[in-house]
Amino acid sequence: MGTFVAGAKPQSNLLELRDIAEEIAERGGTHAAEVLSLGRLRADAAMAAAFGLPERAEIFQARLVHREDGVAVQFEERLVNPVIAPRFLEQDFSRITPYRYLTSCAPPERVEHVVEATRAVPEIAAALGIPPDEPCLLVHRRTWSWRVVATRAFLTHPGTRYRLGGALD
């Protein structure tokens, strides 16, 4: 029997908005993103209510996996109000993060975070390379710009690879 020392889990600050690529770089890691899908949807009733838009309004959607040194640390599903970022679907999110692009279009005025413990649905578990029974942290984020809901993001982190924290001074 030997001793195994695990490396510290990456941690994001829950109390501020940060670009995941910058967080990873600050830890000395290398960020990579794989774009799984990019397209348009029609808002269902819940989505329309969350955005303050009429049902069936067009919303942009991006789904990505973010990696730190080759290891998947976040599955991002981002919904975007086209009024805020009309050229969102033209971006190469393997080169620039949705966060960086969106903050250049419309800096956030207000942010709402809700965190829950969950298990990833099979598609997300497969994208993150985790077993379907692994606990995950799911961050629900909604941002406002110009007094309208700009984005909703659903950020799934493998519980064994990531943690969230923050401090107020």
N, C-alpha and C. Protein backbone atom coordinates (compact mmCIF):
# COMPACT_ATOMS: atom_id res chain seq x y z
N MET A 1 0.83 -1.17 0.00
CA MET A 1 0.00 0.00 0.00
C MET A 1 0.88 1.24 0.00
N GLY A 2 0.48 2.24 -0.76
CA GLY A 2 1.24 3.48 -0.81
C GLY A 2 0.35 4.66 -0.47
N THR A 3 0.95 5.81 -0.51
CA THR A 3 0.22 7.04 -0.24
C THR A 3 -0.02 7.75 -1.56
N PHE A 4 -1.24 8.24 -1.73
CA PHE A 4 -1.59 8.97 -2.93
C PHE A 4 -2.02 10.37 -2.51
N VAL A 5 -1.42 11.37 -3.12
CA VAL A 5 -1.81 12.74 -2.83
C VAL A 5 -2.48 13.30 -4.07
N ALA A 6 -3.75 13.62 -3.91
CA ALA A 6 -4.51 14.17 -5.03
C ALA A 6 -4.23 15.66 -5.16
N GLY A 7 -4.19 16.14 -6.37
CA GLY A 7 -4.04 17.57 -6.60
C GLY A 7 -5.30 18.29 -6.14
N ALA A 8 -5.16 19.54 -5.82
CA ALA A 8 -6.31 20.34 -5.40
C ALA A 8 -7.28 20.49 -6.56
N LYS A 9 -8.58 20.46 -6.23
CA LYS A 9 -9.59 20.67 -7.25
C LYS A 9 -9.58 22.13 -7.67
N PRO A 10 -9.76 22.40 -8.96
CA PRO A 10 -9.92 23.79 -9.37
C PRO A 10 -11.15 24.38 -8.68
N GLN A 11 -11.09 25.67 -8.38
CA GLN A 11 -12.21 26.34 -7.71
C GLN A 11 -12.53 27.63 -8.43
N SER A 12 -13.82 27.89 -8.62
CA SER A 12 -14.29 29.15 -9.18
C SER A 12 -14.95 29.96 -8.08
N ASN A 13 -14.86 31.27 -8.21
CA ASN A 13 -15.50 32.15 -7.25
C ASN A 13 -16.95 32.34 -7.65
N LEU A 14 -17.84 31.92 -6.79
CA LEU A 14 -19.27 31.99 -7.07
C LEU A 14 -19.80 33.41 -7.01
N LEU A 15 -19.09 34.31 -6.35
CA LEU A 15 -19.60 35.65 -6.10
C LEU A 15 -19.24 36.66 -7.18
N GLU A 16 -18.51 36.23 -8.18
CA GLU A 16 -18.18 37.15 -9.26
C GLU A 16 -18.24 36.42 -10.60
N LEU A 17 -18.45 37.19 -11.64
CA LEU A 17 -18.44 36.63 -12.99
C LEU A 17 -17.02 36.63 -13.50
N ARG A 18 -16.57 35.48 -13.97
CA ARG A 18 -15.21 35.35 -14.49
C ARG A 18 -15.24 34.50 -15.75
N ASP A 19 -14.27 34.73 -16.58
CA ASP A 19 -14.08 33.93 -17.78
C ASP A 19 -13.34 32.66 -17.36
N ILE A 20 -13.91 31.50 -17.66
CA ILE A 20 -13.29 30.24 -17.26
C ILE A 20 -11.89 30.10 -17.85
N ALA A 21 -11.67 30.61 -19.05
CA ALA A 21 -10.33 30.52 -19.66
C ALA A 21 -9.32 31.32 -18.83
N GLU A 22 -9.71 32.48 -18.33
CA GLU A 22 -8.82 33.29 -17.49
C GLU A 22 -8.56 32.61 -16.15
N GLU A 23 -9.60 32.03 -15.55
CA GLU A 23 -9.42 31.32 -14.27
C GLU A 23 -8.40 30.20 -14.43
N ILE A 24 -8.55 29.43 -15.50
CA ILE A 24 -7.64 28.31 -15.73
C ILE A 24 -6.22 28.81 -15.96
N ALA A 25 -6.08 29.87 -16.74
CA ALA A 25 -4.74 30.43 -17.00
C ALA A 25 -4.10 30.94 -15.71
N GLU A 26 -4.90 31.56 -14.83
CA GLU A 26 -4.36 32.05 -13.56
C GLU A 26 -3.86 30.91 -12.67
N ARG A 27 -4.43 29.73 -12.82
CA ARG A 27 -3.97 28.56 -12.06
C ARG A 27 -2.77 27.89 -12.72
N GLY A 28 -2.35 28.41 -13.88
CA GLY A 28 -1.22 27.84 -14.59
C GLY A 28 -1.62 26.75 -15.56
N GLY A 29 -2.91 26.62 -15.80
CA GLY A 29 -3.39 25.56 -16.69
C GLY A 29 -3.64 26.07 -18.10
N THR A 30 -4.00 25.13 -18.95
CA THR A 30 -4.32 25.42 -20.35
C THR A 30 -5.79 25.14 -20.58
N HIS A 31 -6.50 26.13 -21.10
CA HIS A 31 -7.93 25.99 -21.39
C HIS A 31 -8.13 25.55 -22.84
N ALA A 32 -9.10 24.68 -23.02
CA ALA A 32 -9.55 24.31 -24.37
C ALA A 32 -11.06 24.15 -24.30
N ALA A 33 -11.73 24.49 -25.37
CA ALA A 33 -13.19 24.34 -25.42
C ALA A 33 -13.57 23.57 -26.67
N GLU A 34 -14.50 22.68 -26.49
CA GLU A 34 -15.07 21.91 -27.61
C GLU A 34 -16.51 22.36 -27.78
N VAL A 35 -16.84 22.87 -28.95
CA VAL A 35 -18.20 23.30 -29.24
C VAL A 35 -18.99 22.08 -29.69
N LEU A 36 -20.02 21.73 -28.92
CA LEU A 36 -20.86 20.58 -29.25
C LEU A 36 -22.01 20.97 -30.16
N SER A 37 -22.57 22.15 -29.94
CA SER A 37 -23.64 22.64 -30.82
C SER A 37 -23.79 24.14 -30.67
N LEU A 38 -24.28 24.75 -31.71
CA LEU A 38 -24.50 26.19 -31.77
C LEU A 38 -25.69 26.39 -32.70
N GLY A 39 -26.74 27.05 -32.21
CA GLY A 39 -27.91 27.21 -33.07
C GLY A 39 -28.99 28.08 -32.46
N ARG A 40 -30.16 27.96 -33.05
CA ARG A 40 -31.33 28.75 -32.64
C ARG A 40 -32.40 27.83 -32.07
N LEU A 41 -33.14 28.34 -31.09
CA LEU A 41 -34.32 27.62 -30.60
C LEU A 41 -35.49 28.57 -30.52
N ARG A 42 -36.65 28.00 -30.35
CA ARG A 42 -37.85 28.78 -30.08
C ARG A 42 -38.17 28.61 -28.60
N ALA A 43 -38.39 29.71 -27.92
CA ALA A 43 -38.61 29.69 -26.47
C ALA A 43 -39.91 28.99 -26.12
N ASP A 44 -39.80 28.01 -25.21
CA ASP A 44 -41.02 27.41 -24.65
C ASP A 44 -41.52 28.37 -23.56
N ALA A 45 -42.59 28.01 -22.88
CA ALA A 45 -43.20 28.90 -21.90
C ALA A 45 -42.23 29.27 -20.77
N ALA A 46 -41.51 28.28 -20.23
CA ALA A 46 -40.59 28.54 -19.12
C ALA A 46 -39.42 29.43 -19.56
N MET A 47 -38.87 29.13 -20.72
CA MET A 47 -37.76 29.90 -21.23
C MET A 47 -38.19 31.33 -21.52
N ALA A 48 -39.35 31.49 -22.14
CA ALA A 48 -39.88 32.82 -22.45
C ALA A 48 -40.08 33.62 -21.16
N ALA A 49 -40.61 32.98 -20.14
CA ALA A 49 -40.82 33.68 -18.86
C ALA A 49 -39.48 34.09 -18.24
N ALA A 50 -38.48 33.22 -18.30
CA ALA A 50 -37.17 33.53 -17.72
C ALA A 50 -36.50 34.70 -18.43
N PHE A 51 -36.75 34.84 -19.72
CA PHE A 51 -36.16 35.93 -20.50
C PHE A 51 -37.07 37.15 -20.60
N GLY A 52 -38.34 37.00 -20.21
CA GLY A 52 -39.28 38.10 -20.39
C GLY A 52 -39.62 38.33 -21.85
N LEU A 53 -39.63 37.24 -22.61
CA LEU A 53 -39.92 37.29 -24.05
C LEU A 53 -41.22 36.55 -24.34
N PRO A 54 -41.81 36.78 -25.50
CA PRO A 54 -43.00 36.01 -25.85
C PRO A 54 -42.64 34.55 -26.17
N GLU A 55 -43.59 33.68 -25.94
CA GLU A 55 -43.39 32.27 -26.31
C GLU A 55 -43.07 32.20 -27.80
N ARG A 56 -42.20 31.27 -28.14
CA ARG A 56 -41.76 31.01 -29.52
C ARG A 56 -40.77 32.06 -30.02
N ALA A 57 -40.36 33.00 -29.17
CA ALA A 57 -39.33 33.97 -29.57
C ALA A 57 -38.04 33.21 -29.85
N GLU A 58 -37.23 33.72 -30.75
CA GLU A 58 -35.96 33.09 -31.06
C GLU A 58 -34.95 33.35 -29.96
N ILE A 59 -34.22 32.30 -29.58
CA ILE A 59 -33.13 32.39 -28.60
C ILE A 59 -31.96 31.60 -29.18
N PHE A 60 -30.75 32.13 -28.98
CA PHE A 60 -29.56 31.42 -29.41
C PHE A 60 -29.12 30.45 -28.32
N GLN A 61 -28.51 29.34 -28.75
CA GLN A 61 -28.04 28.34 -27.80
C GLN A 61 -26.64 27.87 -28.20
N ALA A 62 -25.78 27.74 -27.18
CA ALA A 62 -24.45 27.15 -27.38
C ALA A 62 -24.26 26.08 -26.32
N ARG A 63 -23.65 24.97 -26.71
CA ARG A 63 -23.32 23.89 -25.78
C ARG A 63 -21.85 23.55 -25.99
N LEU A 64 -21.08 23.64 -24.90
CA LEU A 64 -19.63 23.44 -24.97
C LEU A 64 -19.14 22.61 -23.79
N VAL A 65 -17.96 22.04 -23.97
CA VAL A 65 -17.23 21.42 -22.87
C VAL A 65 -15.93 22.20 -22.72
N HIS A 66 -15.67 22.66 -21.49
CA HIS A 66 -14.43 23.36 -21.17
C HIS A 66 -13.49 22.38 -20.49
N ARG A 67 -12.22 22.40 -20.91
CA ARG A 67 -11.21 21.50 -20.35
C ARG A 67 -10.06 22.30 -19.75
N GLU A 68 -9.53 21.76 -18.67
CA GLU A 68 -8.33 22.31 -18.06
C GLU A 68 -7.25 21.24 -18.17
N ASP A 69 -6.20 21.56 -18.90
CA ASP A 69 -5.12 20.60 -19.15
C ASP A 69 -5.66 19.27 -19.66
N GLY A 70 -6.63 19.35 -20.55
CA GLY A 70 -7.20 18.16 -21.18
C GLY A 70 -8.31 17.47 -20.41
N VAL A 71 -8.59 17.90 -19.18
CA VAL A 71 -9.61 17.25 -18.35
C VAL A 71 -10.87 18.11 -18.35
N ALA A 72 -12.01 17.51 -18.66
CA ALA A 72 -13.28 18.25 -18.70
C ALA A 72 -13.65 18.72 -17.30
N VAL A 73 -13.87 20.04 -17.16
CA VAL A 73 -14.24 20.61 -15.87
C VAL A 73 -15.59 21.32 -15.90
N GLN A 74 -16.13 21.55 -17.10
CA GLN A 74 -17.43 22.23 -17.16
C GLN A 74 -18.14 21.91 -18.47
N PHE A 75 -19.42 21.58 -18.34
CA PHE A 75 -20.33 21.51 -19.50
C PHE A 75 -21.15 22.79 -19.44
N GLU A 76 -21.11 23.56 -20.49
CA GLU A 76 -21.83 24.84 -20.54
C GLU A 76 -22.95 24.76 -21.55
N GLU A 77 -24.17 25.03 -21.08
CA GLU A 77 -25.28 25.28 -22.00
C GLU A 77 -25.66 26.72 -21.78
N ARG A 78 -25.56 27.53 -22.83
CA ARG A 78 -25.84 28.96 -22.70
C ARG A 78 -26.94 29.35 -23.67
N LEU A 79 -27.92 30.05 -23.14
CA LEU A 79 -29.01 30.60 -23.92
C LEU A 79 -28.83 32.11 -23.96
N VAL A 80 -29.01 32.70 -25.13
CA VAL A 80 -28.68 34.12 -25.32
C VAL A 80 -29.83 34.84 -26.00
N ASN A 81 -30.16 36.00 -25.46
CA ASN A 81 -31.15 36.87 -26.08
C ASN A 81 -30.51 37.51 -27.31
N PRO A 82 -31.04 37.25 -28.51
CA PRO A 82 -30.43 37.78 -29.74
C PRO A 82 -30.35 39.31 -29.79
N VAL A 83 -31.20 40.00 -29.07
CA VAL A 83 -31.15 41.46 -29.04
C VAL A 83 -29.83 41.93 -28.44
N ILE A 84 -29.31 41.19 -27.48
CA ILE A 84 -28.07 41.56 -26.80
C ILE A 84 -26.84 41.27 -27.65
N ALA A 85 -26.85 40.16 -28.35
CA ALA A 85 -25.68 39.73 -29.13
C ALA A 85 -26.13 39.13 -30.46
N PRO A 86 -26.54 39.98 -31.40
CA PRO A 86 -27.09 39.46 -32.67
C PRO A 86 -26.11 38.62 -33.49
N ARG A 87 -24.79 38.76 -33.26
CA ARG A 87 -23.80 38.00 -34.04
C ARG A 87 -23.22 36.82 -33.24
N PHE A 88 -23.90 36.43 -32.18
CA PHE A 88 -23.44 35.36 -31.31
C PHE A 88 -23.13 34.08 -32.09
N LEU A 89 -24.00 33.69 -33.00
CA LEU A 89 -23.83 32.42 -33.72
C LEU A 89 -22.68 32.45 -34.73
N GLU A 90 -22.13 33.63 -35.00
CA GLU A 90 -21.02 33.75 -35.95
C GLU A 90 -19.65 33.56 -35.28
N GLN A 91 -19.63 33.41 -33.95
CA GLN A 91 -18.37 33.34 -33.22
C GLN A 91 -17.79 31.93 -33.21
N ASP A 92 -16.47 31.86 -33.09
CA ASP A 92 -15.78 30.58 -32.95
C ASP A 92 -15.46 30.38 -31.47
N PHE A 93 -16.33 29.66 -30.77
CA PHE A 93 -16.19 29.51 -29.33
C PHE A 93 -15.14 28.47 -28.93
N SER A 94 -14.42 27.94 -29.89
CA SER A 94 -13.24 27.16 -29.54
C SER A 94 -12.04 28.09 -29.38
N ARG A 95 -12.20 29.36 -29.80
CA ARG A 95 -11.12 30.35 -29.72
C ARG A 95 -11.39 31.44 -28.68
N ILE A 96 -12.65 31.77 -28.49
CA ILE A 96 -13.06 32.80 -27.53
C ILE A 96 -14.23 32.22 -26.74
N THR A 97 -14.25 32.46 -25.45
CA THR A 97 -15.36 31.91 -24.65
C THR A 97 -16.62 32.74 -24.88
N PRO A 98 -17.78 32.10 -24.74
CA PRO A 98 -19.02 32.88 -24.81
C PRO A 98 -19.02 34.05 -23.82
N TYR A 99 -18.49 33.81 -22.62
CA TYR A 99 -18.42 34.88 -21.62
C TYR A 99 -17.67 36.10 -22.17
N ARG A 100 -16.49 35.88 -22.72
CA ARG A 100 -15.68 37.00 -23.23
C ARG A 100 -16.41 37.73 -24.34
N TYR A 101 -16.99 36.98 -25.27
CA TYR A 101 -17.71 37.63 -26.36
C TYR A 101 -18.90 38.43 -25.84
N LEU A 102 -19.69 37.81 -24.96
CA LEU A 102 -20.90 38.48 -24.48
C LEU A 102 -20.60 39.72 -23.65
N THR A 103 -19.57 39.67 -22.82
CA THR A 103 -19.25 40.85 -22.03
C THR A 103 -18.72 41.98 -22.91
N SER A 104 -18.17 41.65 -24.07
CA SER A 104 -17.73 42.71 -24.99
C SER A 104 -18.93 43.36 -25.69
N CYS A 105 -20.02 42.61 -25.83
CA CYS A 105 -21.24 43.14 -26.46
C CYS A 105 -22.08 43.94 -25.48
N ALA A 106 -22.21 43.39 -24.28
CA ALA A 106 -23.12 43.98 -23.29
C ALA A 106 -22.66 43.61 -21.89
N PRO A 107 -21.91 44.47 -21.25
CA PRO A 107 -21.46 44.16 -19.89
C PRO A 107 -22.64 43.89 -18.97
N PRO A 108 -22.53 42.85 -18.14
CA PRO A 108 -23.66 42.52 -17.26
C PRO A 108 -23.88 43.59 -16.19
N GLU A 109 -25.16 43.90 -15.96
CA GLU A 109 -25.55 44.85 -14.93
C GLU A 109 -26.00 44.15 -13.66
N ARG A 110 -26.51 42.95 -13.83
CA ARG A 110 -27.05 42.19 -12.71
C ARG A 110 -26.81 40.72 -12.98
N VAL A 111 -26.53 39.95 -11.91
CA VAL A 111 -26.27 38.51 -12.06
C VAL A 111 -27.03 37.77 -10.97
N GLU A 112 -27.58 36.64 -11.35
CA GLU A 112 -28.27 35.75 -10.41
C GLU A 112 -27.64 34.37 -10.52
N HIS A 113 -27.24 33.80 -9.38
CA HIS A 113 -26.67 32.45 -9.35
C HIS A 113 -27.49 31.57 -8.44
N VAL A 114 -27.75 30.36 -8.87
CA VAL A 114 -28.35 29.33 -8.04
C VAL A 114 -27.50 28.08 -8.26
N VAL A 115 -27.09 27.43 -7.17
CA VAL A 115 -26.26 26.23 -7.27
C VAL A 115 -27.04 25.07 -6.69
N GLU A 116 -26.99 23.94 -7.39
CA GLU A 116 -27.62 22.74 -6.87
C GLU A 116 -26.73 21.53 -7.11
N ALA A 117 -26.86 20.57 -6.21
CA ALA A 117 -26.19 19.28 -6.39
C ALA A 117 -27.10 18.44 -7.28
N THR A 118 -26.51 17.75 -8.23
CA THR A 118 -27.31 16.97 -9.17
C THR A 118 -26.46 15.84 -9.74
N ARG A 119 -27.04 15.07 -10.59
CA ARG A 119 -26.32 14.09 -11.41
C ARG A 119 -26.54 14.49 -12.86
N ALA A 120 -25.52 14.36 -13.65
CA ALA A 120 -25.61 14.75 -15.05
C ALA A 120 -26.49 13.79 -15.82
N VAL A 121 -27.27 14.33 -16.75
CA VAL A 121 -28.01 13.47 -17.67
C VAL A 121 -26.98 12.72 -18.50
N PRO A 122 -27.34 11.57 -19.09
CA PRO A 122 -26.34 10.76 -19.81
C PRO A 122 -25.52 11.52 -20.85
N GLU A 123 -26.15 12.41 -21.61
CA GLU A 123 -25.42 13.16 -22.64
C GLU A 123 -24.33 14.04 -22.02
N ILE A 124 -24.63 14.70 -20.91
CA ILE A 124 -23.66 15.57 -20.25
C ILE A 124 -22.58 14.74 -19.58
N ALA A 125 -22.97 13.64 -18.93
CA ALA A 125 -21.98 12.76 -18.30
C ALA A 125 -20.98 12.26 -19.35
N ALA A 126 -21.48 11.87 -20.51
CA ALA A 126 -20.60 11.39 -21.58
C ALA A 126 -19.66 12.51 -22.05
N ALA A 127 -20.20 13.72 -22.21
CA ALA A 127 -19.38 14.85 -22.66
C ALA A 127 -18.29 15.19 -21.64
N LEU A 128 -18.60 15.03 -20.35
CA LEU A 128 -17.63 15.32 -19.30
C LEU A 128 -16.71 14.14 -19.01
N GLY A 129 -17.04 12.97 -19.57
CA GLY A 129 -16.23 11.77 -19.33
C GLY A 129 -16.33 11.28 -17.90
N ILE A 130 -17.54 11.33 -17.36
CA ILE A 130 -17.77 10.88 -15.97
C ILE A 130 -18.84 9.79 -15.96
N PRO A 131 -18.84 8.95 -14.92
CA PRO A 131 -19.92 7.97 -14.81
C PRO A 131 -21.25 8.68 -14.52
N PRO A 132 -22.35 8.10 -14.96
CA PRO A 132 -23.65 8.78 -14.80
C PRO A 132 -24.07 8.96 -13.34
N ASP A 133 -23.46 8.24 -12.41
CA ASP A 133 -23.85 8.39 -11.02
C ASP A 133 -22.95 9.37 -10.26
N GLU A 134 -21.99 10.00 -10.94
CA GLU A 134 -21.10 10.93 -10.25
C GLU A 134 -21.86 12.21 -9.88
N PRO A 135 -21.72 12.67 -8.64
CA PRO A 135 -22.35 13.93 -8.24
C PRO A 135 -21.76 15.11 -9.02
N CYS A 136 -22.60 16.06 -9.32
CA CYS A 136 -22.17 17.25 -10.05
C CYS A 136 -22.69 18.50 -9.35
N LEU A 137 -22.03 19.61 -9.62
CA LEU A 137 -22.51 20.92 -9.20
C LEU A 137 -23.07 21.59 -10.45
N LEU A 138 -24.31 22.04 -10.35
CA LEU A 138 -24.95 22.72 -11.46
C LEU A 138 -25.21 24.16 -11.05
N VAL A 139 -24.60 25.09 -11.78
CA VAL A 139 -24.80 26.51 -11.53
C VAL A 139 -25.79 27.02 -12.58
N HIS A 140 -26.88 27.58 -12.09
CA HIS A 140 -27.85 28.26 -12.95
C HIS A 140 -27.50 29.74 -12.87
N ARG A 141 -27.19 30.35 -13.99
CA ARG A 141 -26.81 31.77 -13.99
C ARG A 141 -27.71 32.52 -14.95
N ARG A 142 -28.18 33.66 -14.50
CA ARG A 142 -28.95 34.55 -15.38
C ARG A 142 -28.32 35.93 -15.26
N THR A 143 -28.10 36.58 -16.40
CA THR A 143 -27.51 37.91 -16.41
C THR A 143 -28.44 38.89 -17.13
N TRP A 144 -28.35 40.13 -16.70
CA TRP A 144 -29.11 41.21 -17.30
C TRP A 144 -28.14 42.24 -17.86
N SER A 145 -28.46 42.78 -19.02
CA SER A 145 -27.74 43.91 -19.61
C SER A 145 -28.80 44.83 -20.21
N TRP A 146 -28.56 46.10 -20.07
CA TRP A 146 -29.50 47.09 -20.59
C TRP A 146 -30.92 46.84 -20.10
N ARG A 147 -31.03 46.37 -18.87
CA ARG A 147 -32.30 46.14 -18.17
C ARG A 147 -33.14 45.01 -18.76
N VAL A 148 -32.54 44.16 -19.58
CA VAL A 148 -33.25 42.97 -20.08
C VAL A 148 -32.41 41.74 -19.77
N VAL A 149 -33.06 40.59 -19.70
CA VAL A 149 -32.31 39.35 -19.49
C VAL A 149 -31.49 39.09 -20.74
N ALA A 150 -30.18 39.01 -20.54
CA ALA A 150 -29.25 38.82 -21.66
C ALA A 150 -28.96 37.35 -21.89
N THR A 151 -28.68 36.61 -20.80
CA THR A 151 -28.29 35.21 -20.93
C THR A 151 -28.82 34.37 -19.78
N ARG A 152 -28.93 33.08 -20.05
CA ARG A 152 -29.09 32.06 -19.03
C ARG A 152 -28.03 31.03 -19.32
N ALA A 153 -27.32 30.62 -18.29
CA ALA A 153 -26.30 29.60 -18.47
C ALA A 153 -26.53 28.50 -17.45
N PHE A 154 -26.31 27.28 -17.89
CA PHE A 154 -26.40 26.10 -17.04
C PHE A 154 -25.01 25.46 -17.10
N LEU A 155 -24.27 25.58 -16.01
CA LEU A 155 -22.87 25.18 -15.96
C LEU A 155 -22.73 23.96 -15.07
N THR A 156 -22.46 22.80 -15.67
CA THR A 156 -22.35 21.55 -14.91
C THR A 156 -20.88 21.21 -14.72
N HIS A 157 -20.51 21.02 -13.44
CA HIS A 157 -19.13 20.69 -13.06
C HIS A 157 -19.11 19.33 -12.39
N PRO A 158 -18.21 18.42 -12.79
CA PRO A 158 -18.08 17.15 -12.07
C PRO A 158 -17.68 17.43 -10.62
N GLY A 159 -18.43 16.88 -9.68
CA GLY A 159 -18.18 17.14 -8.27
C GLY A 159 -16.81 16.69 -7.79
N THR A 160 -16.25 15.67 -8.43
CA THR A 160 -14.94 15.18 -8.01
C THR A 160 -13.79 15.99 -8.60
N ARG A 161 -14.12 16.91 -9.52
CA ARG A 161 -13.07 17.68 -10.20
C ARG A 161 -13.15 19.17 -9.98
N TYR A 162 -14.17 19.64 -9.30
CA TYR A 162 -14.38 21.09 -9.25
C TYR A 162 -15.07 21.49 -7.96
N ARG A 163 -14.84 22.72 -7.55
CA ARG A 163 -15.55 23.24 -6.39
C ARG A 163 -15.80 24.73 -6.60
N LEU A 164 -16.79 25.24 -5.89
CA LEU A 164 -17.16 26.64 -5.95
C LEU A 164 -16.98 27.26 -4.59
N GLY A 165 -16.62 28.51 -4.54
CA GLY A 165 -16.45 29.18 -3.27
C GLY A 165 -16.46 30.68 -3.47
N GLY A 166 -16.33 31.40 -2.38
CA GLY A 166 -16.30 32.85 -2.48
C GLY A 166 -16.22 33.44 -1.10
N ALA A 167 -15.82 34.71 -1.04
CA ALA A 167 -15.75 35.43 0.21
C ALA A 167 -16.14 36.88 -0.05
N LEU A 168 -16.82 37.45 0.90
CA LEU A 168 -17.16 38.87 0.84
C LEU A 168 -16.33 39.58 1.90
N ASP A 169 -15.70 40.66 1.51
CA ASP A 169 -14.91 41.45 2.46
C ASP A 169 -15.66 42.69 2.86
